[in-house]
C-alpha atoms as a PDB file:
ATOM      1  CA  MET A   1      -3.023  -7.255  14.994  1.00  0.00           C
ATOM      2  CA  SER A   2      -6.056  -7.909  12.846  1.00  0.00           C
ATOM      3  CA  SER A   3      -8.611  -5.207  12.164  1.00  0.00           C
ATOM      4  CA  ILE A   4     -11.018  -7.186  14.344  1.00  0.00           C
ATOM      5  CA  ASN A   5      -8.911  -6.182  17.356  1.00  0.00           C
ATOM      6  CA  ARG A   6      -8.360  -2.539  16.486  1.00  0.00           C
ATOM      7  CA  PRO A   7     -10.498   0.357  15.298  1.00  0.00           C
ATOM      8  CA  LEU A   8     -10.311   1.338  11.630  1.00  0.00           C
ATOM      9  CA  THR A   9     -12.492   4.386  11.935  1.00  0.00           C
ATOM     10  CA  ALA A  10     -12.903   6.986  14.666  1.00  0.00           C
ATOM     11  CA  PRO A  11     -12.855  10.783  14.940  1.00  0.00           C
ATOM     12  CA  ASN A  12      -9.081  10.567  15.577  1.00  0.00           C
ATOM     13  CA  LEU A  13      -6.621   7.702  15.191  1.00  0.00           C
ATOM     14  CA  THR A  14      -2.897   7.818  15.938  1.00  0.00           C
ATOM     15  CA  PHE A  15      -0.330   5.267  14.775  1.00  0.00           C
ATOM     16  CA  ASP A  16       3.292   4.527  15.598  1.00  0.00           C
ATOM     17  CA  LEU A  17       4.386   3.527  12.100  1.00  0.00           C
ATOM     18  CA  GLN A  18       7.671   1.991  13.248  1.00  0.00           C
ATOM     19  CA  ILE A  19       5.818  -0.394  15.569  1.00  0.00           C
ATOM     20  CA  GLN A  20       3.262  -1.166  12.864  1.00  0.00           C
ATOM     21  CA  LEU A  21       6.058  -1.919  10.352  1.00  0.00           C
ATOM     22  CA  ALA A  22       7.900  -4.161  12.798  1.00  0.00           C
ATOM     23  CA  GLU A  23       4.689  -6.155  13.285  1.00  0.00           C
ATOM     24  CA  LEU A  24       4.103  -6.400   9.514  1.00  0.00           C
ATOM     25  CA  ARG A  25       7.621  -7.678   8.913  1.00  0.00           C
ATOM     26  CA  LYS A  26       7.001 -10.481  11.425  1.00  0.00           C
ATOM     27  CA  GLU A  27       3.834 -11.671   9.665  1.00  0.00           C
ATOM     28  CA  GLU A  28       3.768 -14.945   7.763  1.00  0.00           C
ATOM     29  CA  ALA A  29       2.584 -13.144   4.613  1.00  0.00           C
ATOM     30  CA  TYR A  30       5.710 -10.970   4.615  1.00  0.00           C
ATOM     31  CA  HIS A  31       7.987 -13.989   4.891  1.00  0.00           C
ATOM     32  CA  ARG A  32       6.003 -15.933   2.284  1.00  0.00           C
ATOM     33  CA  SER A  33       5.497 -13.262  -0.394  1.00  0.00           C
ATOM     34  CA  GLY A  34       7.914 -10.471   0.488  1.00  0.00           C
ATOM     35  CA  ARG A  35       5.195  -7.985   1.351  1.00  0.00           C
ATOM     36  CA  ALA A  36       2.457  -7.373   3.866  1.00  0.00           C
ATOM     37  CA  GLY A  37      -0.044  -4.592   4.358  1.00  0.00           C
ATOM     38  CA  ARG A  38      -2.376  -3.320   7.000  1.00  0.00           C
ATOM     39  CA  THR A  39      -5.269  -0.925   6.621  1.00  0.00           C
ATOM     40  CA  LEU A  40      -4.756   1.652   9.342  1.00  0.00           C
ATOM     41  CA  ALA A  41      -7.873   3.723   8.769  1.00  0.00           C
ATOM     42  CA  LYS A  42     -10.920   3.867   6.560  1.00  0.00           C
ATOM     43  CA  SER A  43     -13.753   6.298   6.244  1.00  0.00           C
ATOM     44  CA  GLY A  44     -16.304   6.142   3.485  1.00  0.00           C
ATOM     45  CA  ARG A  45     -14.356   5.757   0.262  1.00  0.00           C
ATOM     46  CA  MET A  46     -10.950   6.537   1.766  1.00  0.00           C
ATOM     47  CA  ARG A  47      -8.398   3.941   2.905  1.00  0.00           C
ATOM     48  CA  VAL A  48      -4.949   4.440   4.416  1.00  0.00           C
ATOM     49  CA  THR A  49      -2.794   1.319   4.222  1.00  0.00           C
ATOM     50  CA  LEU A  50       0.738   0.686   5.442  1.00  0.00           C
ATOM     51  CA  VAL A  51       2.745  -1.654   3.189  1.00  0.00           C
ATOM     52  CA  ALA A  52       6.072  -3.346   3.958  1.00  0.00           C
ATOM     53  CA  MET A  53       8.060  -4.704   0.996  1.00  0.00           C
ATOM     54  CA  ALA A  54      11.204  -6.821   1.162  1.00  0.00           C
ATOM     55  CA  GLN A  55      14.143  -6.015  -1.083  1.00  0.00           C
ATOM     56  CA  GLY A  56      13.510  -7.411  -4.556  1.00  0.00           C
ATOM     57  CA  ASN A  57       9.749  -7.737  -4.091  1.00  0.00           C
ATOM     58  CA  VAL A  58       7.808  -6.891  -7.253  1.00  0.00           C
ATOM     59  CA  ILE A  59       4.137  -6.068  -7.584  1.00  0.00           C
ATOM     60  CA  GLY A  60       3.317  -6.753 -11.228  1.00  0.00           C
ATOM     61  CA  THR A  61       1.125  -4.702 -13.527  1.00  0.00           C
ATOM     62  CA  HIS A  62      -2.420  -4.282 -12.283  1.00  0.00           C
ATOM     63  CA  GLN A  63      -5.389  -2.037 -12.936  1.00  0.00           C
ATOM     64  CA  ALA A  64      -5.862   0.775 -10.434  1.00  0.00           C
ATOM     65  CA  ASP A  65      -9.525   1.771 -10.496  1.00  0.00           C
ATOM     66  CA  SER A  66      -9.091   4.723  -8.167  1.00  0.00           C
ATOM     67  CA  PRO A  67      -6.703   7.604  -7.684  1.00  0.00           C
ATOM     68  CA  MET A  68      -4.093   6.912  -5.026  1.00  0.00           C
ATOM     69  CA  THR A  69      -0.893   8.111  -3.467  1.00  0.00           C
ATOM     70  CA  LEU A  70       2.221   6.151  -2.548  1.00  0.00           C
ATOM     71  CA  HIS A  71       4.351   7.824   0.103  1.00  0.00           C
ATOM     72  CA  VAL A  72       7.738   6.146   0.514  1.00  0.00           C
ATOM     73  CA  LEU A  73       8.452   6.208   4.248  1.00  0.00           C
ATOM     74  CA  SER A  74      11.734   4.307   3.976  1.00  0.00           C
ATOM     75  CA  GLY A  75      13.609   2.497   1.260  1.00  0.00           C
ATOM     76  CA  HIS A  76      13.399   2.905  -2.490  1.00  0.00           C
ATOM     77  CA  ILE A  77      10.999   1.802  -5.240  1.00  0.00           C
ATOM     78  CA  ARG A  78      11.131   1.670  -9.011  1.00  0.00           C
ATOM     79  CA  PHE A  79       8.064   1.583 -11.286  1.00  0.00           C
ATOM     80  CA  ARG A  80       7.018   2.069 -14.891  1.00  0.00           C
ATOM     81  CA  ALA A  81       4.475   4.623 -16.043  1.00  0.00           C
ATOM     82  CA  GLY A  82       3.939   6.164 -19.444  1.00  0.00           C
ATOM     83  CA  GLY A  83       6.633   3.944 -20.933  1.00  0.00           C
ATOM     84  CA  GLU A  84       9.314   5.356 -18.627  1.00  0.00           C
ATOM     85  CA  VAL A  85      11.008   4.038 -15.506  1.00  0.00           C
ATOM     86  CA  HIS A  86      10.632   6.215 -12.413  1.00  0.00           C
ATOM     87  CA  GLU A  87      12.141   5.977  -8.942  1.00  0.00           C
ATOM     88  CA  LEU A  88      11.017   7.174  -5.542  1.00  0.00           C
ATOM     89  CA  GLN A  89      12.988   7.213  -2.318  1.00  0.00           C
ATOM     90  CA  ALA A  90      12.192   7.899   1.323  1.00  0.00           C
ATOM     91  CA  GLY A  91      10.295  11.145   1.750  1.00  0.00           C
ATOM     92  CA  GLN A  92       8.862  11.219  -1.762  1.00  0.00           C
ATOM     93  CA  LEU A  93       5.203  10.890  -2.716  1.00  0.00           C
ATOM     94  CA  LEU A  94       3.616   9.697  -5.949  1.00  0.00           C
ATOM     95  CA  PHE A  95       0.050  10.567  -6.957  1.00  0.00           C
ATOM     96  CA  PHE A  96      -1.541   8.711  -9.826  1.00  0.00           C
ATOM     97  CA  GLY A  97      -5.043   8.538 -11.173  1.00  0.00           C
ATOM     98  CA  PRO A  98      -6.947   5.502 -12.372  1.00  0.00           C
ATOM     99  CA  GLY A  99      -5.102   3.351 -14.879  1.00  0.00           C
ATOM    100  CA  ASP A 100      -2.380   0.767 -15.038  1.00  0.00           C
ATOM    101  CA  ALA A 101       0.398   0.621 -12.495  1.00  0.00           C
ATOM    102  CA  HIS A 102       3.407  -1.250 -13.827  1.00  0.00           C
ATOM    103  CA  ASP A 103       6.015  -3.362 -12.070  1.00  0.00           C
ATOM    104  CA  LEU A 104       6.415  -1.622  -8.734  1.00  0.00           C
ATOM    105  CA  SER A 105       9.613  -3.045  -7.229  1.00  0.00           C
ATOM    106  CA  ALA A 106      11.454  -2.492  -3.976  1.00  0.00           C
ATOM    107  CA  THR A 107      15.169  -2.080  -4.612  1.00  0.00           C
ATOM    108  CA  GLU A 108      15.747  -2.315  -0.859  1.00  0.00           C
ATOM    109  CA  GLU A 109      13.571  -3.019   2.176  1.00  0.00           C
ATOM    110  CA  THR A 110      10.798  -0.450   1.776  1.00  0.00           C
ATOM    111  CA  ALA A 111       7.822   0.941   3.673  1.00  0.00           C
ATOM    112  CA  LEU A 112       4.962   2.681   1.854  1.00  0.00           C
ATOM    113  CA  LEU A 113       1.887   4.534   3.006  1.00  0.00           C
ATOM    114  CA  LEU A 114      -0.835   3.941   0.423  1.00  0.00           C
ATOM    115  CA  THR A 115      -3.885   6.222   0.355  1.00  0.00           C
ATOM    116  CA  LEU A 116      -6.843   5.219  -1.826  1.00  0.00           C
ATOM    117  CA  SER A 117      -9.927   7.196  -2.641  1.00  0.00           C
ATOM    118  CA  ALA A 118     -12.398   4.739  -4.135  1.00  0.00           C
ATOM    119  CA  ILE A 119     -14.497   5.544  -7.154  1.00  0.00           C
ATOM    120  CA  GLY A 120     -17.837   3.837  -7.749  1.00  0.00           C
ATOM    121  CA  ASP A 121     -17.950   0.413  -6.121  1.00  0.00           C
ATOM    122  CA  ASP A 122     -14.195  -0.134  -5.719  1.00  0.00           C
ATOM    123  CA  PHE A 123     -14.617  -1.283  -2.128  1.00  0.00           C
ATOM    124  CA  ALA A 124     -17.983  -3.024  -2.567  1.00  0.00           C
ATOM    125  CA  GLY A 125     -18.404  -6.725  -2.015  1.00  0.00           C
ATOM    126  CA  GLY A 126     -15.884  -7.205   0.776  1.00  0.00           C
ATOM    127  CA  GLN A 127     -12.965  -7.695  -1.600  1.00  0.00           C
ATOM    128  CA  GLY A 128     -10.606  -6.264   0.985  1.00  0.00           C
ATOM    129  CA  GLU A 129      -7.390  -4.472   0.350  1.00  0.00           C
ATOM    130  CA  GLU A 130      -6.704  -5.900  -3.103  1.00  0.00           C
ATOM    131  CA  ARG A 131      -9.656  -4.383  -4.963  1.00  0.00           C
ATOM    132  CA  GLY A 132      -8.808  -1.074  -6.597  1.00  0.00           C
ATOM    133  CA  GLY A 133      -5.324  -0.984  -5.150  1.00  0.00           C
ATOM    134  CA  ILE A 134      -2.096  -2.855  -4.704  1.00  0.00           C
ATOM    135  CA  PRO A 135      -2.335  -6.580  -3.917  1.00  0.00           C
ATOM    136  CA  LEU A 136      -0.830  -7.017  -0.486  1.00  0.00           C
ATOM    137  CA  GLY A 137      -0.030 -10.678  -0.095  1.00  0.00           C
END
C-alpha cells in the first residue's frame, strides 16, 4: 500500500509487521532487486522504515548523513565497519552515527526496522527514502 493510501503521521500509529513484510515481499521491487522498504511513520526529522531483504542481497557502501538504528526483526545480516566484519541476528539492534556504512548483506531472508533521525536537510527536496539512509530499491 503506498503512503498515499495510509497515514505516515498521527498521534498514534500501530502496525502489524508480519502483514507489512508479507506485502513488501510481494512487491515488484523486492523481486527485481532483492529488497523493498516502506516508511511506516515520520514526524519532523524522524523516519521509521521497514525493510525486507532477500537472502544474498547486498547494499553496497554508502554515506549515511544521519544517525540511525537497524533492528533485525528476523534473519541475519553481515556488515563492515571500522575495518572489521560484524554480524547481527534477529533481536539485535545496531546504532551508528553519520559516516560510511559498508556492504550490508543478508545471509538469509531478513527483515529490518530502520530508524533515521535526520540532520540538517537530509530529508529536504523530496528525495524520499534513499537520502541519508539505506537505498531501498
